[in-house]
Amino acid sequence: MNGKVTSCLKNPFTVGAVAIRKLLKQQKSLFTLTFFGLLMLFPAMQVYADPPTTGDLFSGGKDVVKSTFGKGSTVVWILYVLEILAAIFAYVKTKNLAVFGGIAAVIVFVNVVFGLI
């Protein structure tokens, strides 16, 4: 152990060469490593493409999101129907009337969460 540490400290260039060799053994090739490294940079380059001229790309979608997920929307109605069906299924399986209390909990939760949108 002591001999290996001192031999690396005598010639620091071998430390880098050994690390690169181990990395190349673990990876299939240097090409794939470079490819995925560059691939990770593409989203960052797209974000900062030209902010002053593009403006807010999602400003037109706020009304669509409110009409889809806001209070009184179809998504809320579907959640209520699914909760009622789940409560009926759970009651049939367990014969416990307390599962219908989940309907009230979901109604309160949905009104609070979707009211924030």
PDB file of N, CA and C in Angstrom:
ATOM      1  N   MET A   1       0.825  -1.187   0.000  1.00  0.00           N
ATOM      2  CA  MET A   1       0.000   0.000   0.000  1.00  0.00           C
ATOM      3  C   MET A   1       0.867   1.249   0.000  1.00  0.00           C
ATOM      4  N   ASN A   2       1.877   1.264   0.827  1.00  0.00           N
ATOM      5  CA  ASN A   2       2.725   2.438   0.933  1.00  0.00           C
ATOM      6  C   ASN A   2       3.492   2.666  -0.363  1.00  0.00           C
ATOM      7  N   GLY A   3       3.932   1.620  -1.006  1.00  0.00           N
ATOM      8  CA  GLY A   3       4.675   1.755  -2.250  1.00  0.00           C
ATOM      9  C   GLY A   3       3.814   2.323  -3.368  1.00  0.00           C
ATOM     10  N   LYS A   4       2.533   1.978  -3.417  1.00  0.00           N
ATOM     11  CA  LYS A   4       1.645   2.473  -4.462  1.00  0.00           C
ATOM     12  C   LYS A   4       1.394   3.970  -4.304  1.00  0.00           C
ATOM     13  N   VAL A   5       1.230   4.422  -3.072  1.00  0.00           N
ATOM     14  CA  VAL A   5       0.959   5.837  -2.844  1.00  0.00           C
ATOM     15  C   VAL A   5       2.180   6.668  -3.207  1.00  0.00           C
ATOM     16  N   THR A   6       3.360   6.243  -2.790  1.00  0.00           N
ATOM     17  CA  THR A   6       4.558   7.027  -3.080  1.00  0.00           C
ATOM     18  C   THR A   6       4.893   7.004  -4.561  1.00  0.00           C
ATOM     19  N   SER A   7       4.601   5.906  -5.265  1.00  0.00           N
ATOM     20  CA  SER A   7       4.899   5.879  -6.699  1.00  0.00           C
ATOM     21  C   SER A   7       3.977   6.823  -7.459  1.00  0.00           C
ATOM     22  N   CYS A   8       2.759   7.009  -7.013  1.00  0.00           N
ATOM     23  CA  CYS A   8       1.851   7.961  -7.666  1.00  0.00           C
ATOM     24  C   CYS A   8       2.275   9.389  -7.376  1.00  0.00           C
ATOM     25  N   LEU A   9       2.816   9.632  -6.198  1.00  0.00           N
ATOM     26  CA  LEU A   9       3.217  10.986  -5.853  1.00  0.00           C
ATOM     27  C   LEU A   9       4.503  11.399  -6.563  1.00  0.00           C
ATOM     28  N   LYS A  10       5.343  10.459  -6.931  1.00  0.00           N
ATOM     29  CA  LYS A  10       6.578  10.793  -7.624  1.00  0.00           C
ATOM     30  C   LYS A  10       6.286  11.312  -9.033  1.00  0.00           C
ATOM     31  N   ASN A  11       5.351  10.717  -9.716  1.00  0.00           N
ATOM     32  CA  ASN A  11       5.016  11.131 -11.080  1.00  0.00           C
ATOM     33  C   ASN A  11       3.504  11.408 -11.139  1.00  0.00           C
ATOM     34  N   PRO A  12       3.095  12.664 -10.990  1.00  0.00           N
ATOM     35  CA  PRO A  12       1.662  12.958 -10.937  1.00  0.00           C
ATOM     36  C   PRO A  12       0.942  12.722 -12.260  1.00  0.00           C
ATOM     37  N   PHE A  13       1.677  12.646 -13.377  1.00  0.00           N
ATOM     38  CA  PHE A  13       1.020  12.408 -14.661  1.00  0.00           C
ATOM     39  C   PHE A  13       0.438  11.004 -14.739  1.00  0.00           C
ATOM     40  N   THR A  14       1.028  10.064 -14.024  1.00  0.00           N
ATOM     41  CA  THR A  14       0.496   8.703 -14.046  1.00  0.00           C
ATOM     42  C   THR A  14      -0.822   8.615 -13.294  1.00  0.00           C
ATOM     43  N   VAL A  15      -1.036   9.511 -12.350  1.00  0.00           N
ATOM     44  CA  VAL A  15      -2.304   9.498 -11.614  1.00  0.00           C
ATOM     45  C   VAL A  15      -3.448   9.789 -12.578  1.00  0.00           C
ATOM     46  N   GLY A  16      -3.292  10.803 -13.430  1.00  0.00           N
ATOM     47  CA  GLY A  16      -4.334  11.131 -14.395  1.00  0.00           C
ATOM     48  C   GLY A  16      -4.504  10.045 -15.436  1.00  0.00           C
ATOM     49  N   ALA A  17      -3.388   9.464 -15.875  1.00  0.00           N
ATOM     50  CA  ALA A  17      -3.462   8.418 -16.889  1.00  0.00           C
ATOM     51  C   ALA A  17      -4.165   7.186 -16.348  1.00  0.00           C
ATOM     52  N   VAL A  18      -3.900   6.850 -15.106  1.00  0.00           N
ATOM     53  CA  VAL A  18      -4.548   5.696 -14.493  1.00  0.00           C
ATOM     54  C   VAL A  18      -6.042   5.958 -14.346  1.00  0.00           C
ATOM     55  N   ALA A  19      -6.403   7.167 -13.957  1.00  0.00           N
ATOM     56  CA  ALA A  19      -7.820   7.494 -13.799  1.00  0.00           C
ATOM     57  C   ALA A  19      -8.550   7.439 -15.134  1.00  0.00           C
ATOM     58  N   ILE A  20      -7.923   7.954 -16.190  1.00  0.00           N
ATOM     59  CA  ILE A  20      -8.554   7.916 -17.512  1.00  0.00           C
ATOM     60  C   ILE A  20      -8.664   6.478 -18.007  1.00  0.00           C
ATOM     61  N   ARG A  21      -7.644   5.682 -17.769  1.00  0.00           N
ATOM     62  CA  ARG A  21      -7.681   4.287 -18.200  1.00  0.00           C
ATOM     63  C   ARG A  21      -8.788   3.533 -17.475  1.00  0.00           C
ATOM     64  N   LYS A  22      -8.949   3.769 -16.175  1.00  0.00           N
ATOM     65  CA  LYS A  22     -10.025   3.113 -15.430  1.00  0.00           C
ATOM     66  C   LYS A  22     -11.387   3.576 -15.927  1.00  0.00           C
ATOM     67  N   LEU A  23     -11.493   4.853 -16.238  1.00  0.00           N
ATOM     68  CA  LEU A  23     -12.750   5.384 -16.747  1.00  0.00           C
ATOM     69  C   LEU A  23     -13.092   4.764 -18.091  1.00  0.00           C
ATOM     70  N   LEU A  24     -12.101   4.621 -18.954  1.00  0.00           N
ATOM     71  CA  LEU A  24     -12.349   4.029 -20.267  1.00  0.00           C
ATOM     72  C   LEU A  24     -12.678   2.547 -20.165  1.00  0.00           C
ATOM     73  N   LYS A  25     -12.164   1.877 -19.149  1.00  0.00           N
ATOM     74  CA  LYS A  25     -12.524   0.479 -18.949  1.00  0.00           C
ATOM     75  C   LYS A  25     -13.970   0.360 -18.490  1.00  0.00           C
ATOM     76  N   GLN A  26     -14.405   1.297 -17.651  1.00  0.00           N
ATOM     77  CA  GLN A  26     -15.778   1.239 -17.159  1.00  0.00           C
ATOM     78  C   GLN A  26     -16.765   1.638 -18.247  1.00  0.00           C
ATOM     79  N   GLN A  27     -16.448   2.633 -19.019  1.00  0.00           N
ATOM     80  CA  GLN A  27     -17.328   3.088 -20.100  1.00  0.00           C
ATOM     81  C   GLN A  27     -17.012   2.292 -21.364  1.00  0.00           C
ATOM     82  N   LYS A  28     -17.985   2.216 -22.253  1.00  0.00           N
ATOM     83  CA  LYS A  28     -17.762   1.487 -23.500  1.00  0.00           C
ATOM     84  C   LYS A  28     -16.742   2.204 -24.367  1.00  0.00           C
ATOM     85  N   SER A  29     -16.877   3.506 -24.499  1.00  0.00           N
ATOM     86  CA  SER A  29     -15.907   4.247 -25.300  1.00  0.00           C
ATOM     87  C   SER A  29     -15.938   5.704 -24.885  1.00  0.00           C
ATOM     88  N   LEU A  30     -14.920   6.405 -25.289  1.00  0.00           N
ATOM     89  CA  LEU A  30     -14.850   7.832 -24.999  1.00  0.00           C
ATOM     90  C   LEU A  30     -15.915   8.592 -25.780  1.00  0.00           C
ATOM     91  N   PHE A  31     -16.313   8.056 -26.922  1.00  0.00           N
ATOM     92  CA  PHE A  31     -17.333   8.706 -27.743  1.00  0.00           C
ATOM     93  C   PHE A  31     -18.668   8.790 -27.003  1.00  0.00           C
ATOM     94  N   THR A  32     -19.091   7.710 -26.372  1.00  0.00           N
ATOM     95  CA  THR A  32     -20.377   7.740 -25.668  1.00  0.00           C
ATOM     96  C   THR A  32     -20.322   8.697 -24.488  1.00  0.00           C
ATOM     97  N   LEU A  33     -19.196   8.746 -23.804  1.00  0.00           N
ATOM     98  CA  LEU A  33     -19.047   9.664 -22.684  1.00  0.00           C
ATOM     99  C   LEU A  33     -19.133  11.106 -23.162  1.00  0.00           C
ATOM    100  N   THR A  34     -18.465  11.411 -24.261  1.00  0.00           N
ATOM    101  CA  THR A  34     -18.513  12.761 -24.818  1.00  0.00           C
ATOM    102  C   THR A  34     -19.903  13.089 -25.343  1.00  0.00           C
ATOM    103  N   PHE A  35     -20.535  12.124 -25.998  1.00  0.00           N
ATOM    104  CA  PHE A  35     -21.868  12.343 -26.555  1.00  0.00           C
ATOM    105  C   PHE A  35     -22.872  12.693 -25.467  1.00  0.00           C
ATOM    106  N   PHE A  36     -22.905  11.923 -24.395  1.00  0.00           N
ATOM    107  CA  PHE A  36     -23.859  12.196 -23.328  1.00  0.00           C
ATOM    108  C   PHE A  36     -23.496  13.460 -22.555  1.00  0.00           C
ATOM    109  N   GLY A  37     -22.221  13.777 -22.481  1.00  0.00           N
ATOM    110  CA  GLY A  37     -21.822  15.040 -21.853  1.00  0.00           C
ATOM    111  C   GLY A  37     -22.319  16.239 -22.632  1.00  0.00           C
ATOM    112  N   LEU A  38     -22.183  16.192 -23.945  1.00  0.00           N
ATOM    113  CA  LEU A  38     -22.696  17.280 -24.785  1.00  0.00           C
ATOM    114  C   LEU A  38     -24.215  17.299 -24.806  1.00  0.00           C
ATOM    115  N   LEU A  39     -24.825  16.137 -24.742  1.00  0.00           N
ATOM    116  CA  LEU A  39     -26.282  16.056 -24.751  1.00  0.00           C
ATOM    117  C   LEU A  39     -26.882  16.738 -23.529  1.00  0.00           C
ATOM    118  N   MET A  40     -26.180  16.687 -22.402  1.00  0.00           N
ATOM    119  CA  MET A  40     -26.675  17.348 -21.193  1.00  0.00           C
ATOM    120  C   MET A  40     -26.593  18.860 -21.292  1.00  0.00           C
ATOM    121  N   LEU A  41     -25.759  19.382 -22.170  1.00  0.00           N
ATOM    122  CA  LEU A  41     -25.631  20.829 -22.315  1.00  0.00           C
ATOM    123  C   LEU A  41     -26.717  21.438 -23.191  1.00  0.00           C
ATOM    124  N   PHE A  42     -27.378  20.660 -24.031  1.00  0.00           N
ATOM    125  CA  PHE A  42     -28.363  21.211 -24.957  1.00  0.00           C
ATOM    126  C   PHE A  42     -29.522  21.918 -24.269  1.00  0.00           C
ATOM    127  N   PRO A  43     -30.126  21.381 -23.196  1.00  0.00           N
ATOM    128  CA  PRO A  43     -31.216  22.138 -22.558  1.00  0.00           C
ATOM    129  C   PRO A  43     -30.751  23.480 -22.008  1.00  0.00           C
ATOM    130  N   ALA A  44     -29.539  23.537 -21.485  1.00  0.00           N
ATOM    131  CA  ALA A  44     -29.034  24.803 -20.960  1.00  0.00           C
ATOM    132  C   ALA A  44     -28.832  25.812 -22.078  1.00  0.00           C
ATOM    133  N   MET A  45     -28.405  25.347 -23.240  1.00  0.00           N
ATOM    134  CA  MET A  45     -28.223  26.262 -24.364  1.00  0.00           C
ATOM    135  C   MET A  45     -29.567  26.752 -24.895  1.00  0.00           C
ATOM    136  N   GLN A  46     -30.598  25.927 -24.823  1.00  0.00           N
ATOM    137  CA  GLN A  46     -31.912  26.334 -25.316  1.00  0.00           C
ATOM    138  C   GLN A  46     -32.576  27.336 -24.379  1.00  0.00           C
ATOM    139  N   VAL A  47     -32.342  27.215 -23.090  1.00  0.00           N
ATOM    140  CA  VAL A  47     -32.957  28.129 -22.123  1.00  0.00           C
ATOM    141  C   VAL A  47     -32.462  29.544 -22.337  1.00  0.00           C
ATOM    142  N   TYR A  48     -31.189  29.693 -22.588  1.00  0.00           N
ATOM    143  CA  TYR A  48     -30.607  31.018 -22.743  1.00  0.00           C
ATOM    144  C   TYR A  48     -30.419  31.387 -24.217  1.00  0.00           C
ATOM    145  N   ALA A  49     -31.314  30.935 -25.075  1.00  0.00           N
ATOM    146  CA  ALA A  49     -31.161  31.196 -26.504  1.00  0.00           C
ATOM    147  C   ALA A  49     -31.278  32.686 -26.807  1.00  0.00           C
ATOM    148  N   ASP A  50     -32.415  33.299 -26.463  1.00  0.00           N
ATOM    149  CA  ASP A  50     -32.608  34.723 -26.728  1.00  0.00           C
ATOM    150  C   ASP A  50     -33.754  35.233 -25.860  1.00  0.00           C
ATOM    151  N   PRO A  51     -33.549  35.390 -24.554  1.00  0.00           N
ATOM    152  CA  PRO A  51     -34.648  35.761 -23.659  1.00  0.00           C
ATOM    153  C   PRO A  51     -35.310  37.104 -23.947  1.00  0.00           C
ATOM    154  N   PRO A  52     -34.595  38.167 -24.345  1.00  0.00           N
ATOM    155  CA  PRO A  52     -35.290  39.446 -24.524  1.00  0.00           C
ATOM    156  C   PRO A  52     -36.312  39.434 -25.657  1.00  0.00           C
ATOM    157  N   THR A  53     -36.060  38.700 -26.715  1.00  0.00           N
ATOM    158  CA  THR A  53     -36.990  38.724 -27.843  1.00  0.00           C
ATOM    159  C   THR A  53     -38.077  37.669 -27.737  1.00  0.00           C
ATOM    160  N   THR A  54     -37.819  36.567 -27.034  1.00  0.00           N
ATOM    161  CA  THR A  54     -38.829  35.515 -26.971  1.00  0.00           C
ATOM    162  C   THR A  54     -39.910  35.830 -25.959  1.00  0.00           C
ATOM    163  N   GLY A  55     -39.589  36.476 -24.864  1.00  0.00           N
ATOM    164  CA  GLY A  55     -40.584  36.793 -23.845  1.00  0.00           C
ATOM    165  C   GLY A  55     -41.014  35.557 -23.071  1.00  0.00           C
ATOM    166  N   ASP A  56     -42.166  35.653 -22.436  1.00  0.00           N
ATOM    167  CA  ASP A  56     -42.699  34.548 -21.648  1.00  0.00           C
ATOM    168  C   ASP A  56     -43.452  33.604 -22.576  1.00  0.00           C
ATOM    169  N   LEU A  57     -42.912  32.406 -22.748  1.00  0.00           N
ATOM    170  CA  LEU A  57     -43.521  31.457 -23.672  1.00  0.00           C
ATOM    171  C   LEU A  57     -44.800  30.843 -23.116  1.00  0.00           C
ATOM    172  N   PHE A  58     -44.974  30.848 -21.802  1.00  0.00           N
ATOM    173  CA  PHE A  58     -46.129  30.195 -21.198  1.00  0.00           C
ATOM    174  C   PHE A  58     -47.211  31.174 -20.762  1.00  0.00           C
ATOM    175  N   SER A  59     -47.110  32.436 -21.133  1.00  0.00           N
ATOM    176  CA  SER A  59     -48.103  33.412 -20.679  1.00  0.00           C
ATOM    177  C   SER A  59     -49.481  33.133 -21.266  1.00  0.00           C
ATOM    178  N   GLY A  60     -49.552  32.610 -22.469  1.00  0.00           N
ATOM    179  CA  GLY A  60     -50.843  32.309 -23.082  1.00  0.00           C
ATOM    180  C   GLY A  60     -51.503  31.076 -22.509  1.00  0.00           C
ATOM    181  N   GLY A  61     -50.764  30.262 -21.796  1.00  0.00           N
ATOM    182  CA  GLY A  61     -51.314  29.021 -21.269  1.00  0.00           C
ATOM    183  C   GLY A  61     -51.958  29.130 -19.911  1.00  0.00           C
ATOM    184  N   LYS A  62     -51.885  30.287 -19.266  1.00  0.00           N
ATOM    185  CA  LYS A  62     -52.454  30.425 -17.924  1.00  0.00           C
ATOM    186  C   LYS A  62     -53.962  30.233 -17.930  1.00  0.00           C
ATOM    187  N   ASP A  63     -54.648  30.792 -18.922  1.00  0.00           N
ATOM    188  CA  ASP A  63     -56.101  30.634 -18.996  1.00  0.00           C
ATOM    189  C   ASP A  63     -56.490  29.187 -19.266  1.00  0.00           C
ATOM    190  N   VAL A  64     -55.692  28.505 -20.066  1.00  0.00           N
ATOM    191  CA  VAL A  64     -55.973  27.102 -20.365  1.00  0.00           C
ATOM    192  C   VAL A  64     -55.818  26.252 -19.114  1.00  0.00           C
ATOM    193  N   VAL A  65     -54.777  26.516 -18.330  1.00  0.00           N
ATOM    194  CA  VAL A  65     -54.555  25.760 -17.100  1.00  0.00           C
ATOM    195  C   VAL A  65     -55.678  26.015 -16.103  1.00  0.00           C
ATOM    196  N   LYS A  66     -56.115  27.262 -15.972  1.00  0.00           N
ATOM    197  CA  LYS A  66     -57.202  27.568 -15.037  1.00  0.00           C
ATOM    198  C   LYS A  66     -58.510  26.925 -15.471  1.00  0.00           C
ATOM    199  N   SER A  67     -58.782  26.910 -16.766  1.00  0.00           N
ATOM    200  CA  SER A  67     -60.033  26.301 -17.212  1.00  0.00           C
ATOM    201  C   SER A  67     -59.989  24.779 -17.110  1.00  0.00           C
ATOM    202  N   THR A  68     -58.794  24.187 -17.195  1.00  0.00           N
ATOM    203  CA  THR A  68     -58.682  22.736 -17.113  1.00  0.00           C
ATOM    204  C   THR A  68     -58.610  22.248 -15.676  1.00  0.00           C
ATOM    205  N   PHE A  69     -57.836  22.925 -14.830  1.00  0.00           N
ATOM    206  CA  PHE A  69     -57.595  22.448 -13.475  1.00  0.00           C
ATOM    207  C   PHE A  69     -58.201  23.332 -12.397  1.00  0.00           C
ATOM    208  N   GLY A  70     -58.833  24.429 -12.730  1.00  0.00           N
ATOM    209  CA  GLY A  70     -59.371  25.348 -11.731  1.00  0.00           C
ATOM    210  C   GLY A  70     -60.644  24.822 -11.086  1.00  0.00           C
ATOM    211  N   LYS A  71     -61.246  25.655 -10.232  1.00  0.00           N
ATOM    212  CA  LYS A  71     -62.480  25.263  -9.557  1.00  0.00           C
ATOM    213  C   LYS A  71     -63.593  25.082 -10.575  1.00  0.00           C
ATOM    214  N   GLY A  72     -64.379  24.029 -10.414  1.00  0.00           N
ATOM    215  CA  GLY A  72     -65.501  23.773 -11.298  1.00  0.00           C
ATOM    216  C   GLY A  72     -65.113  23.215 -12.652  1.00  0.00           C
ATOM    217  N   SER A  73     -63.887  22.740 -12.803  1.00  0.00           N
ATOM    218  CA  SER A  73     -63.445  22.219 -14.095  1.00  0.00           C
ATOM    219  C   SER A  73     -63.794  20.740 -14.232  1.00  0.00           C
ATOM    220  N   THR A  74     -63.541  20.222 -15.399  1.00  0.00           N
ATOM    221  CA  THR A  74     -63.823  18.815 -15.671  1.00  0.00           C
ATOM    222  C   THR A  74     -62.919  17.903 -14.856  1.00  0.00           C
ATOM    223  N   VAL A  75     -61.691  18.308 -14.638  1.00  0.00           N
ATOM    224  CA  VAL A  75     -60.757  17.485 -13.866  1.00  0.00           C
ATOM    225  C   VAL A  75     -61.257  17.312 -12.436  1.00  0.00           C
ATOM    226  N   VAL A  76     -61.793  18.365 -11.850  1.00  0.00           N
ATOM    227  CA  VAL A  76     -62.325  18.276 -10.486  1.00  0.00           C
ATOM    228  C   VAL A  76     -63.521  17.334 -10.462  1.00  0.00           C
ATOM    229  N   TRP A  77     -64.398  17.446 -11.435  1.00  0.00           N
ATOM    230  CA  TRP A  77     -65.571  16.577 -11.493  1.00  0.00           C
ATOM    231  C   TRP A  77     -65.149  15.114 -11.638  1.00  0.00           C
ATOM    232  N   ILE A  78     -64.136  14.846 -12.479  1.00  0.00           N
ATOM    233  CA  ILE A  78     -63.647  13.476 -12.660  1.00  0.00           C
ATOM    234  C   ILE A  78     -63.044  12.946 -11.363  1.00  0.00           C
ATOM    235  N   LEU A  79     -62.318  13.788 -10.622  1.00  0.00           N
ATOM    236  CA  LEU A  79     -61.766  13.356  -9.328  1.00  0.00           C
ATOM    237  C   LEU A  79     -62.867  12.983  -8.347  1.00  0.00           C
ATOM    238  N   TYR A  80     -63.948  13.753  -8.323  1.00  0.00           N
ATOM    239  CA  TYR A  80     -65.074  13.434  -7.443  1.00  0.00           C
ATOM    240  C   TYR A  80     -65.703  12.095  -7.824  1.00  0.00           C
ATOM    241  N   VAL A  81     -65.920  11.876  -9.102  1.00  0.00           N
ATOM    242  CA  VAL A  81     -66.533  10.621  -9.553  1.00  0.00           C
ATOM    243  C   VAL A  81     -65.630   9.437  -9.226  1.00  0.00           C
ATOM    244  N   LEU A  82     -64.334   9.576  -9.468  1.00  0.00           N
ATOM    245  CA  LEU A  82     -63.407   8.489  -9.150  1.00  0.00           C
ATOM    246  C   LEU A  82     -63.353   8.210  -7.655  1.00  0.00           C
ATOM    247  N   GLU A  83     -63.424   9.239  -6.836  1.00  0.00           N
ATOM    248  CA  GLU A  83     -63.417   9.037  -5.389  1.00  0.00           C
ATOM    249  C   GLU A  83     -64.683   8.325  -4.936  1.00  0.00           C
ATOM    250  N   ILE A  84     -65.809   8.679  -5.503  1.00  0.00           N
ATOM    251  CA  ILE A  84     -67.059   8.005  -5.135  1.00  0.00           C
ATOM    252  C   ILE A  84     -67.007   6.537  -5.547  1.00  0.00           C
ATOM    253  N   LEU A  85     -66.509   6.256  -6.746  1.00  0.00           N
ATOM    254  CA  LEU A  85     -66.380   4.863  -7.183  1.00  0.00           C
ATOM    255  C   LEU A  85     -65.396   4.087  -6.311  1.00  0.00           C
ATOM    256  N   ALA A  86     -64.294   4.722  -5.922  1.00  0.00           N
ATOM    257  CA  ALA A  86     -63.319   4.060  -5.043  1.00  0.00           C
ATOM    258  C   ALA A  86     -63.918   3.800  -3.669  1.00  0.00           C
ATOM    259  N   ALA A  87     -64.734   4.732  -3.169  1.00  0.00           N
ATOM    260  CA  ALA A  87     -65.370   4.537  -1.863  1.00  0.00           C
ATOM    261  C   ALA A  87     -66.376   3.394  -1.919  1.00  0.00           C
ATOM    262  N   ILE A  88     -67.135   3.309  -3.002  1.00  0.00           N
ATOM    263  CA  ILE A  88     -68.094   2.204  -3.143  1.00  0.00           C
ATOM    264  C   ILE A  88     -67.354   0.875  -3.223  1.00  0.00           C
ATOM    265  N   PHE A  89     -66.264   0.816  -3.987  1.00  0.00           N
ATOM    266  CA  PHE A  89     -65.474  -0.407  -4.091  1.00  0.00           C
ATOM    267  C   PHE A  89     -64.887  -0.795  -2.738  1.00  0.00           C
ATOM    268  N   ALA A  90     -64.353   0.183  -2.012  1.00  0.00           N
ATOM    269  CA  ALA A  90     -63.769  -0.109  -0.698  1.00  0.00           C
ATOM    270  C   ALA A  90     -64.838  -0.559   0.284  1.00  0.00           C
ATOM    271  N   TYR A  91     -66.043   0.009   0.193  1.00  0.00           N
ATOM    272  CA  TYR A  91     -67.125  -0.408   1.090  1.00  0.00           C
ATOM    273  C   TYR A  91     -67.537  -1.846   0.798  1.00  0.00           C
ATOM    274  N   VAL A  92     -67.615  -2.204  -0.477  1.00  0.00           N
ATOM    275  CA  VAL A  92     -67.991  -3.571  -0.836  1.00  0.00           C
ATOM    276  C   VAL A  92     -66.947  -4.557  -0.323  1.00  0.00           C
ATOM    277  N   LYS A  93     -65.673  -4.192  -0.397  1.00  0.00           N
ATOM    278  CA  LYS A  93     -64.612  -5.093   0.055  1.00  0.00           C
ATOM    279  C   LYS A  93     -64.527  -5.185   1.577  1.00  0.00           C
ATOM    280  N   THR A  94     -64.715  -4.059   2.284  1.00  0.00           N
ATOM    281  CA  THR A  94     -64.471  -4.048   3.729  1.00  0.00           C
ATOM    282  C   THR A  94     -65.737  -4.021   4.566  1.00  0.00           C
ATOM    283  N   LYS A  95     -66.871  -3.637   3.991  1.00  0.00           N
ATOM    284  CA  LYS A  95     -68.142  -3.476   4.713  1.00  0.00           C
ATOM    285  C   LYS A  95     -67.997  -2.488   5.871  1.00  0.00           C
ATOM    286  N   ASN A  96     -67.214  -1.443   5.650  1.00  0.00           N
ATOM    287  CA  ASN A  96     -66.975  -0.427   6.663  1.00  0.00           C
ATOM    288  C   ASN A  96     -67.479   0.905   6.123  1.00  0.00           C
ATOM    289  N   LEU A  97     -68.430   1.515   6.834  1.00  0.00           N
ATOM    290  CA  LEU A  97     -69.015   2.773   6.385  1.00  0.00           C
ATOM    291  C   LEU A  97     -68.050   3.951   6.503  1.00  0.00           C
ATOM    292  N   ALA A  98     -66.968   3.791   7.235  1.00  0.00           N
ATOM    293  CA  ALA A  98     -66.023   4.889   7.424  1.00  0.00           C
ATOM    294  C   ALA A  98     -65.292   5.257   6.131  1.00  0.00           C
ATOM    295  N   VAL A  99     -65.282   4.359   5.153  1.00  0.00           N
ATOM    296  CA  VAL A  99     -64.590   4.679   3.905  1.00  0.00           C
ATOM    297  C   VAL A  99     -65.287   5.811   3.159  1.00  0.00           C
ATOM    298  N   PHE A 100     -66.554   6.039   3.436  1.00  0.00           N
ATOM    299  CA  PHE A 100     -67.251   7.148   2.794  1.00  0.00           C
ATOM    300  C   PHE A 100     -66.799   8.493   3.355  1.00  0.00           C
ATOM    301  N   GLY A 101     -66.098   8.496   4.480  1.00  0.00           N
ATOM    302  CA  GLY A 101     -65.512   9.724   5.007  1.00  0.00           C
ATOM    303  C   GLY A 101     -64.400  10.245   4.111  1.00  0.00           C
ATOM    304  N   GLY A 102     -63.826   9.360   3.315  1.00  0.00           N
ATOM    305  CA  GLY A 102     -62.800   9.769   2.366  1.00  0.00           C
ATOM    306  C   GLY A 102     -63.337  10.707   1.305  1.00  0.00           C
ATOM    307  N   ILE A 103     -64.626  10.597   0.997  1.00  0.00           N
ATOM    308  CA  ILE A 103     -65.225  11.494   0.011  1.00  0.00           C
ATOM    309  C   ILE A 103     -65.167  12.929   0.520  1.00  0.00           C
ATOM    310  N   ALA A 104     -65.516  13.119   1.784  1.00  0.00           N
ATOM    311  CA  ALA A 104     -65.468  14.470   2.361  1.00  0.00           C
ATOM    312  C   ALA A 104     -64.034  14.994   2.394  1.00  0.00           C
ATOM    313  N   ALA A 105     -63.096  14.126   2.727  1.00  0.00           N
ATOM    314  CA  ALA A 105     -61.694  14.551   2.771  1.00  0.00           C
ATOM    315  C   ALA A 105     -61.203  14.962   1.385  1.00  0.00           C
ATOM    316  N   VAL A 106     -61.576  14.210   0.367  1.00  0.00           N
ATOM    317  CA  VAL A 106     -61.151  14.548  -0.995  1.00  0.00           C
ATOM    318  C   VAL A 106     -61.804  15.837  -1.461  1.00  0.00           C
ATOM    319  N   ILE A 107     -63.069  16.053  -1.118  1.00  0.00           N
ATOM    320  CA  ILE A 107     -63.748  17.283  -1.518  1.00  0.00           C
ATOM    321  C   ILE A 107     -63.058  18.497  -0.898  1.00  0.00           C
ATOM    322  N   VAL A 108     -62.726  18.413   0.379  1.00  0.00           N
ATOM    323  CA  VAL A 108     -62.042  19.527   1.040  1.00  0.00           C
ATOM    324  C   VAL A 108     -60.658  19.737   0.428  1.00  0.00           C
ATOM    325  N   PHE A 109     -59.919  18.656   0.234  1.00  0.00           N
ATOM    326  CA  PHE A 109     -58.574  18.756  -0.336  1.00  0.00           C
ATOM    327  C   PHE A 109     -58.606  19.362  -1.734  1.00  0.00           C
ATOM    328  N   VAL A 110     -59.512  18.887  -2.573  1.00  0.00           N
ATOM    329  CA  VAL A 110     -59.590  19.375  -3.952  1.00  0.00           C
ATOM    330  C   VAL A 110     -59.986  20.843  -3.983  1.00  0.00           C
ATOM    331  N   ASN A 111     -60.927  21.248  -3.133  1.00  0.00           N
ATOM    332  CA  ASN A 111     -61.333  22.655  -3.115  1.00  0.00           C
ATOM    333  C   ASN A 111     -60.191  23.565  -2.676  1.00  0.00           C
ATOM    334  N   VAL A 112     -59.396  23.115  -1.731  1.00  0.00           N
ATOM    335  CA  VAL A 112     -58.275  23.940  -1.269  1.00  0.00           C
ATOM    336  C   VAL A 112     -57.182  24.001  -2.332  1.00  0.00           C
ATOM    337  N   VAL A 113     -56.779  22.850  -2.848  1.00  0.00           N
ATOM    338  CA  VAL A 113     -55.664  22.804  -3.795  1.00  0.00           C
ATOM    339  C   VAL A 113     -56.026  23.465  -5.120  1.00  0.00           C
ATOM    340  N   PHE A 114     -57.168  23.111  -5.673  1.00  0.00           N
ATOM    341  CA  PHE A 114     -57.535  23.681  -6.968  1.00  0.00           C
ATOM    342  C   PHE A 114     -58.014  25.120  -6.840  1.00  0.00           C
ATOM    343  N   GLY A 115     -58.332  25.553  -5.638  1.00  0.00           N
ATOM    344  CA  GLY A 115     -58.650  26.962  -5.436  1.00  0.00           C
ATOM    345  C   GLY A 115     -57.413  27.844  -5.496  1.00  0.00           C
ATOM    346  N   LEU A 116     -56.246  27.256  -5.259  1.00  0.00           N
ATOM    347  CA  LEU A 116     -54.997  28.012  -5.327  1.00  0.00           C
ATOM    348  C   LEU A 116     -54.561  28.283  -6.760  1.00  0.00           C
ATOM    349  N   ILE A 117     -55.068  27.505  -7.681  1.00  0.00           N
ATOM    350  CA  ILE A 117     -54.653  27.660  -9.088  1.00  0.00           C
ATOM    351  C   ILE A 117     -55.296  28.888  -9.690  1.00  0.00           C
TER     352      ILE A 117
END
